[in-house]
Amino acid sequence: MKKTLSAVAICVGTMIGAGYASGQEVAAYFGTAPSFLVPVSCGIMMFILIAVLLGVAARTRGSTKEVNRAVFGRASVVADGAMTVNAVIVLSAMMAGADTAMKNITGAELPYGVALCLIGIYVLRRGEKGLAAANTAMVPCIVATLVAVCLYAGQDLTSAPSVKEVPLSAAYVSMNLLLGAGVLVERRGLSRRQILAAGAISAVIIAALLALICGALPLAPASEMPLMSLAETSRPVYALYSACLICSVFTTMIGALSTVQARAKARGSEAMLAAALAGGLLSAIGFEKLVGALYPVIGGIGTAYLVGCAAFLLAPHIKFF
């Protein structure tokens, strides 16, 4: 059970970043009035694809590079490059999100994202234990706070479902899991039952939170961080939500840094510092523009990566499930 819950915490913590927790990511993909079809379709896809990634990890029992080599063969260099670029893009979005959130809270423009990134690098120097400990401590608080804020803001569940929400959900899930893949394929030693349980629990949590965010978005004013605007009507709720947002930024940030670290192995610290520098420069574009312009591109890359993983796992000569 401990291994299962640790995998769930890492999976959920990696997915719930500033884009997800602020509502901006959901709005960029589905508009400001998503229907119930979005969390339902996303939840089903997440369960399947999380199980696929954990299944690949259990089958190959190697590092991320070794997994990519086994799955993609000669094209593994492309897969490695795509995962690294994705990690830097997400890291830059988290740094921009931290800057935006802290500016709203304090009124001062300072390099908050850079400071948070350096803390993340320090945590990851403990290795996988640091990553697991940070997510295990923060994820329950993030989930509880998001539920409270969305229920406080109210729910508008009147939006009619649209057929186009299904393919958009596939791109959205792929975008989130491309970053998660770099972390999840390192989760070795899980049994089939633990893999299915981790996939199911993670998918239910993400889908339930997504349903609440979709219900709250129609009530939010147009802004860079819609849910933060809703929370501003109450000082205690705003303070609670702000803490939740920073924690969600941090858990996704260390997920991105961990992906970079895994690529460099012995030179992991130097690679993470280089990624932090690149992310800091890219974050100057701004949180809303990064999420709106680059996250859909990541979705397309993530779809190709996950299709490759599924094909590898379900090939006729592999009888894993």
Protein backbone atom coordinates (compact mmCIF):
# COMPACT_ATOMS: atom_id res chain seq x y z
CA MET A 1 0.00 0.00 0.00
CA LYS A 2 2.85 2.41 0.81
CA LYS A 3 4.35 1.99 -2.68
CA THR A 4 0.94 2.53 -4.26
CA LEU A 5 0.20 5.71 -2.31
CA SER A 6 3.71 7.04 -2.97
CA ALA A 7 3.17 6.55 -6.71
CA VAL A 8 -0.23 8.27 -6.43
CA ALA A 9 1.27 11.25 -4.56
CA ILE A 10 4.02 11.69 -7.15
CA CYS A 11 1.59 11.31 -10.05
CA VAL A 12 -0.97 13.78 -8.67
CA GLY A 13 1.68 16.21 -7.43
CA THR A 14 3.38 16.30 -10.82
CA MET A 15 0.09 16.98 -12.64
CA ILE A 16 -1.33 19.65 -10.33
CA GLY A 17 0.81 22.66 -11.11
CA ALA A 18 0.07 26.36 -11.42
CA GLY A 19 -1.81 25.81 -14.69
CA TYR A 20 -4.15 23.20 -13.22
CA ALA A 21 -4.62 24.77 -9.78
CA SER A 22 -5.24 28.26 -11.20
CA GLY A 23 -7.76 27.05 -13.81
CA GLN A 24 -5.77 28.67 -16.62
CA GLU A 25 -4.65 25.34 -18.07
CA VAL A 26 -8.23 23.98 -18.15
CA ALA A 27 -9.54 27.20 -19.69
CA ALA A 28 -6.80 27.14 -22.36
CA TYR A 29 -7.87 23.67 -23.51
CA PHE A 30 -11.64 23.65 -22.95
CA GLY A 31 -12.72 27.28 -22.67
CA THR A 32 -14.33 28.95 -19.68
CA ALA A 33 -17.40 26.68 -19.55
CA PRO A 34 -16.35 22.99 -19.83
CA SER A 35 -19.02 20.31 -19.42
CA PHE A 36 -19.10 17.18 -17.25
CA LEU A 37 -17.76 15.22 -20.25
CA VAL A 38 -14.29 16.72 -19.67
CA PRO A 39 -13.54 15.20 -16.23
CA VAL A 40 -15.20 11.90 -17.19
CA SER A 41 -13.19 11.42 -20.38
CA CYS A 42 -9.97 12.72 -18.77
CA GLY A 43 -10.40 10.36 -15.81
CA ILE A 44 -10.82 7.29 -18.01
CA MET A 45 -7.83 8.21 -20.19
CA MET A 46 -5.66 8.96 -17.17
CA PHE A 47 -6.38 5.60 -15.57
CA ILE A 48 -5.42 3.74 -18.73
CA LEU A 49 -2.30 5.78 -19.50
CA ILE A 50 -0.97 5.92 -15.93
CA ALA A 51 -1.30 2.12 -15.82
CA VAL A 52 0.54 1.93 -19.16
CA LEU A 53 3.45 4.06 -17.90
CA LEU A 54 3.76 2.13 -14.64
CA GLY A 55 3.46 -1.10 -16.61
CA VAL A 56 6.32 -0.05 -18.90
CA ALA A 57 8.39 0.81 -15.81
CA ALA A 58 7.71 -2.61 -14.27
CA ARG A 59 8.50 -4.37 -17.54
CA THR A 60 11.77 -2.62 -18.38
CA ARG A 61 13.06 -1.97 -14.83
CA GLY A 62 15.52 0.63 -16.07
CA SER A 63 16.19 4.36 -16.00
CA THR A 64 14.17 6.74 -18.15
CA LYS A 65 16.83 6.60 -20.87
CA GLU A 66 16.81 2.80 -20.82
CA VAL A 67 13.00 2.79 -20.95
CA ASN A 68 13.00 5.10 -23.96
CA ARG A 69 15.63 2.94 -25.67
CA ALA A 70 13.53 -0.18 -25.10
CA VAL A 71 10.30 1.47 -26.28
CA PHE A 72 11.50 3.61 -29.19
CA GLY A 73 14.75 1.97 -30.29
CA ARG A 74 16.80 4.31 -32.49
CA ALA A 75 14.22 7.05 -32.02
CA SER A 76 14.94 7.11 -28.27
CA VAL A 77 17.16 10.18 -28.77
CA VAL A 78 14.11 12.05 -30.06
CA ALA A 79 12.03 10.84 -27.09
CA ASP A 80 14.75 11.89 -24.64
CA GLY A 81 14.96 15.31 -26.27
CA ALA A 82 11.18 15.76 -26.25
CA MET A 83 10.95 14.92 -22.55
CA THR A 84 13.77 17.32 -21.70
CA VAL A 85 12.28 20.17 -23.73
CA ASN A 86 8.89 19.48 -22.15
CA ALA A 87 10.43 19.58 -18.66
CA VAL A 88 12.04 22.96 -19.35
CA ILE A 89 8.79 24.39 -20.77
CA VAL A 90 6.78 23.21 -17.75
CA LEU A 91 9.50 24.46 -15.41
CA SER A 92 9.36 27.90 -17.05
CA ALA A 93 5.56 27.95 -16.73
CA MET A 94 5.82 27.08 -13.03
CA MET A 95 8.41 29.81 -12.48
CA ALA A 96 6.18 32.33 -14.29
CA GLY A 97 3.19 31.08 -12.29
CA ALA A 98 5.07 31.52 -9.01
CA ASP A 99 6.06 35.07 -10.03
CA THR A 100 2.45 35.95 -10.93
CA ALA A 101 0.95 34.42 -7.81
CA MET A 102 3.46 35.98 -5.41
CA LYS A 103 3.14 39.37 -7.10
CA ASN A 104 -0.63 39.20 -6.52
CA ILE A 105 -0.06 38.22 -2.89
CA THR A 106 2.76 40.60 -1.95
CA GLY A 107 2.51 43.35 -4.56
CA ALA A 108 6.27 43.13 -5.15
CA GLU A 109 7.99 41.94 -8.35
CA LEU A 110 10.81 39.64 -7.31
CA PRO A 111 12.32 36.41 -8.78
CA TYR A 112 10.10 34.12 -6.69
CA GLY A 113 10.16 31.38 -9.31
CA VAL A 114 13.95 31.25 -9.31
CA ALA A 115 14.04 31.01 -5.50
CA LEU A 116 11.47 28.20 -5.50
CA CYS A 117 13.41 26.39 -8.21
CA LEU A 118 16.62 26.51 -6.16
CA ILE A 119 14.75 25.04 -3.18
CA GLY A 120 13.52 22.26 -5.47
CA ILE A 121 17.07 21.49 -6.60
CA TYR A 122 18.15 21.26 -2.95
CA VAL A 123 15.29 18.84 -2.18
CA LEU A 124 16.13 16.63 -5.17
CA ARG A 125 19.74 16.28 -4.09
CA ARG A 126 18.30 13.75 -1.64
CA GLY A 127 17.30 11.71 -4.67
CA GLU A 128 14.02 9.85 -5.03
CA LYS A 129 13.39 10.07 -1.27
CA GLY A 130 13.26 13.86 -1.48
CA LEU A 131 10.81 13.77 -4.37
CA ALA A 132 8.54 11.24 -2.64
CA ALA A 133 8.66 13.04 0.72
CA ALA A 134 7.76 16.44 -0.78
CA ASN A 135 4.82 15.06 -2.73
CA THR A 136 3.54 12.89 0.12
CA ALA A 137 3.53 15.90 2.46
CA MET A 138 2.01 18.45 0.09
CA VAL A 139 -0.44 16.60 -2.16
CA PRO A 140 -3.15 15.89 0.49
CA CYS A 141 -3.12 19.59 1.48
CA ILE A 142 -3.32 20.71 -2.16
CA VAL A 143 -6.25 18.40 -2.89
CA ALA A 144 -8.20 19.41 0.23
CA THR A 145 -7.64 23.12 -0.40
CA LEU A 146 -8.70 22.96 -4.06
CA VAL A 147 -11.89 21.15 -3.08
CA ALA A 148 -12.67 23.78 -0.43
CA VAL A 149 -11.98 26.75 -2.74
CA CYS A 150 -14.03 25.36 -5.64
CA LEU A 151 -16.99 24.57 -3.37
CA TYR A 152 -16.72 28.02 -1.76
CA ALA A 153 -16.73 29.67 -5.20
CA GLY A 154 -19.83 27.73 -6.25
CA GLN A 155 -20.57 25.39 -9.13
CA ASP A 156 -22.19 26.02 -12.51
CA LEU A 157 -22.95 22.63 -14.06
CA THR A 158 -25.23 23.80 -16.87
CA SER A 159 -22.74 23.60 -19.78
CA ALA A 160 -23.81 21.20 -22.53
CA PRO A 161 -21.27 18.53 -23.57
CA SER A 162 -19.55 18.82 -26.93
CA VAL A 163 -18.03 16.05 -29.07
CA LYS A 164 -14.82 18.05 -29.49
CA GLU A 165 -14.16 17.81 -25.74
CA VAL A 166 -13.13 14.15 -26.14
CA PRO A 167 -10.13 14.71 -28.46
CA LEU A 168 -9.23 17.81 -26.47
CA SER A 169 -9.27 15.65 -23.34
CA ALA A 170 -6.84 13.22 -25.01
CA ALA A 171 -4.44 16.07 -25.78
CA TYR A 172 -4.85 17.50 -22.28
CA VAL A 173 -4.13 14.18 -20.56
CA SER A 174 -1.16 13.52 -22.84
CA MET A 175 0.26 16.95 -22.06
CA ASN A 176 0.08 16.29 -18.32
CA LEU A 177 1.41 12.75 -18.53
CA LEU A 178 4.39 13.60 -20.75
CA LEU A 179 5.94 15.31 -17.73
CA GLY A 180 4.64 12.61 -15.40
CA ALA A 181 6.17 9.94 -17.65
CA GLY A 182 9.67 11.07 -16.73
CA VAL A 183 8.85 10.40 -13.10
CA LEU A 184 6.50 7.41 -13.38
CA VAL A 185 8.79 5.23 -15.51
CA GLU A 186 11.30 5.43 -12.64
CA ARG A 187 8.74 3.85 -10.25
CA ARG A 188 9.99 0.28 -10.42
CA GLY A 189 8.99 -2.70 -8.31
CA LEU A 190 5.20 -2.31 -8.44
CA SER A 191 3.01 -5.38 -8.87
CA ARG A 192 0.17 -5.51 -11.41
CA ARG A 193 -2.36 -4.91 -8.65
CA GLN A 194 -0.39 -1.92 -7.33
CA ILE A 195 -0.12 -0.48 -10.85
CA LEU A 196 -3.86 -0.70 -11.45
CA ALA A 197 -4.62 0.67 -7.98
CA ALA A 198 -2.22 3.62 -8.41
CA GLY A 199 -3.71 4.39 -11.83
CA ALA A 200 -7.28 4.21 -10.54
CA ILE A 201 -6.71 6.33 -7.41
CA SER A 202 -4.72 8.97 -9.32
CA ALA A 203 -7.36 9.17 -12.06
CA VAL A 204 -10.24 9.51 -9.58
CA ILE A 205 -8.48 12.31 -7.67
CA ILE A 206 -7.53 14.24 -10.81
CA ALA A 207 -10.95 13.77 -12.42
CA ALA A 208 -12.84 14.80 -9.26
CA LEU A 209 -10.77 17.96 -8.90
CA LEU A 210 -11.14 18.66 -12.60
CA ALA A 211 -14.93 18.38 -12.25
CA LEU A 212 -14.90 20.99 -9.48
CA ILE A 213 -12.63 23.31 -11.48
CA CYS A 214 -14.87 22.95 -14.55
CA GLY A 215 -17.87 23.86 -12.38
CA ALA A 216 -16.14 26.91 -10.90
CA LEU A 217 -14.66 28.34 -14.12
CA PRO A 218 -17.96 29.74 -15.55
CA LEU A 219 -18.29 31.86 -12.39
CA ALA A 220 -14.75 33.26 -12.58
CA PRO A 221 -13.88 36.63 -14.14
CA ALA A 222 -11.52 36.62 -17.11
CA SER A 223 -8.00 36.77 -15.68
CA GLU A 224 -4.58 35.14 -15.82
CA MET A 225 -5.50 32.98 -12.81
CA PRO A 226 -9.30 32.51 -12.74
CA LEU A 227 -9.55 30.54 -9.47
CA MET A 228 -7.36 33.07 -7.67
CA SER A 229 -9.80 35.78 -8.74
CA LEU A 230 -12.65 33.76 -7.21
CA ALA A 231 -10.74 33.25 -3.97
CA GLU A 232 -10.06 36.98 -3.58
CA THR A 233 -13.60 37.58 -2.29
CA SER A 234 -12.61 36.17 1.10
CA ARG A 235 -9.32 36.92 2.85
CA PRO A 236 -9.05 33.52 4.64
CA VAL A 237 -9.95 31.62 1.46
CA TYR A 238 -7.48 33.71 -0.53
CA ALA A 239 -4.67 32.99 1.95
CA LEU A 240 -5.45 29.27 1.92
CA TYR A 241 -5.66 29.15 -1.86
CA SER A 242 -2.40 31.09 -2.27
CA ALA A 243 -0.55 28.56 -0.11
CA CYS A 244 -2.11 25.73 -2.13
CA LEU A 245 -1.06 27.35 -5.42
CA ILE A 246 2.57 27.75 -4.32
CA CYS A 247 2.67 24.13 -3.13
CA SER A 248 1.22 22.92 -6.44
CA VAL A 249 3.82 24.96 -8.32
CA PHE A 250 6.56 23.35 -6.21
CA THR A 251 5.42 19.73 -6.69
CA THR A 252 5.23 20.14 -10.47
CA MET A 253 8.51 22.03 -10.48
CA ILE A 254 10.39 19.20 -8.76
CA GLY A 255 8.76 16.75 -11.16
CA ALA A 256 10.22 18.72 -14.09
CA LEU A 257 13.61 19.04 -12.39
CA SER A 258 13.62 15.32 -11.60
CA THR A 259 13.14 14.54 -15.31
CA VAL A 260 16.16 16.71 -16.15
CA GLN A 261 18.18 15.18 -13.32
CA ALA A 262 17.46 11.64 -14.55
CA ARG A 263 18.88 12.52 -17.97
CA ALA A 264 22.23 13.74 -16.59
CA LYS A 265 22.76 11.12 -13.84
CA ALA A 266 26.16 12.01 -12.29
CA ARG A 267 25.88 15.63 -13.46
CA GLY A 268 22.30 15.99 -12.26
CA SER A 269 22.85 19.13 -10.17
CA GLU A 270 24.53 20.97 -13.04
CA ALA A 271 21.76 19.91 -15.43
CA MET A 272 19.07 21.13 -13.04
CA LEU A 273 20.81 24.49 -12.66
CA ALA A 274 21.03 24.81 -16.46
CA ALA A 275 17.33 23.96 -16.75
CA ALA A 276 16.54 26.55 -14.07
CA LEU A 277 18.46 29.18 -16.05
CA ALA A 278 16.68 28.28 -19.30
CA GLY A 279 13.32 28.18 -17.50
CA GLY A 280 13.97 31.56 -15.91
CA LEU A 281 14.68 33.14 -19.28
CA LEU A 282 11.64 31.51 -20.90
CA SER A 283 9.38 32.52 -18.00
CA ALA A 284 9.77 36.15 -19.08
CA ILE A 285 7.17 35.36 -21.79
CA GLY A 286 4.53 35.28 -19.06
CA PHE A 287 2.39 32.59 -17.44
CA GLU A 288 -0.74 32.97 -19.57
CA LYS A 289 1.15 33.02 -22.88
CA LEU A 290 3.30 30.02 -21.94
CA VAL A 291 0.28 27.93 -21.00
CA GLY A 292 -1.86 29.07 -23.94
CA ALA A 293 0.80 28.74 -26.65
CA LEU A 294 3.13 25.92 -25.59
CA TYR A 295 0.99 23.50 -23.56
CA PRO A 296 -1.08 22.42 -26.62
CA VAL A 297 2.20 21.65 -28.44
CA ILE A 298 3.26 19.48 -25.50
CA GLY A 299 -0.10 17.72 -25.77
CA GLY A 300 0.70 16.61 -29.32
CA ILE A 301 4.17 15.39 -28.37
CA GLY A 302 2.77 13.62 -25.32
CA THR A 303 0.19 11.79 -27.44
CA ALA A 304 2.92 10.37 -29.69
CA TYR A 305 5.01 9.31 -26.67
CA LEU A 306 2.14 7.56 -24.90
CA VAL A 307 1.01 5.77 -28.06
CA GLY A 308 4.55 4.40 -28.36
CA CYS A 309 4.51 3.22 -24.73
CA ALA A 310 1.11 1.56 -25.17
CA ALA A 311 2.24 -0.21 -28.35
CA PHE A 312 5.36 -1.48 -26.58
CA LEU A 313 3.42 -2.78 -23.59
CA LEU A 314 0.61 -4.39 -25.56
CA ALA A 315 2.72 -5.95 -28.31
CA PRO A 316 1.75 -9.60 -28.96
CA HIS A 317 4.97 -11.04 -27.50
CA ILE A 318 4.51 -9.18 -24.16
CA LYS A 319 1.96 -10.65 -21.78
CA PHE A 320 2.13 -8.21 -18.92
CA PHE A 321 -1.55 -7.75 -18.00
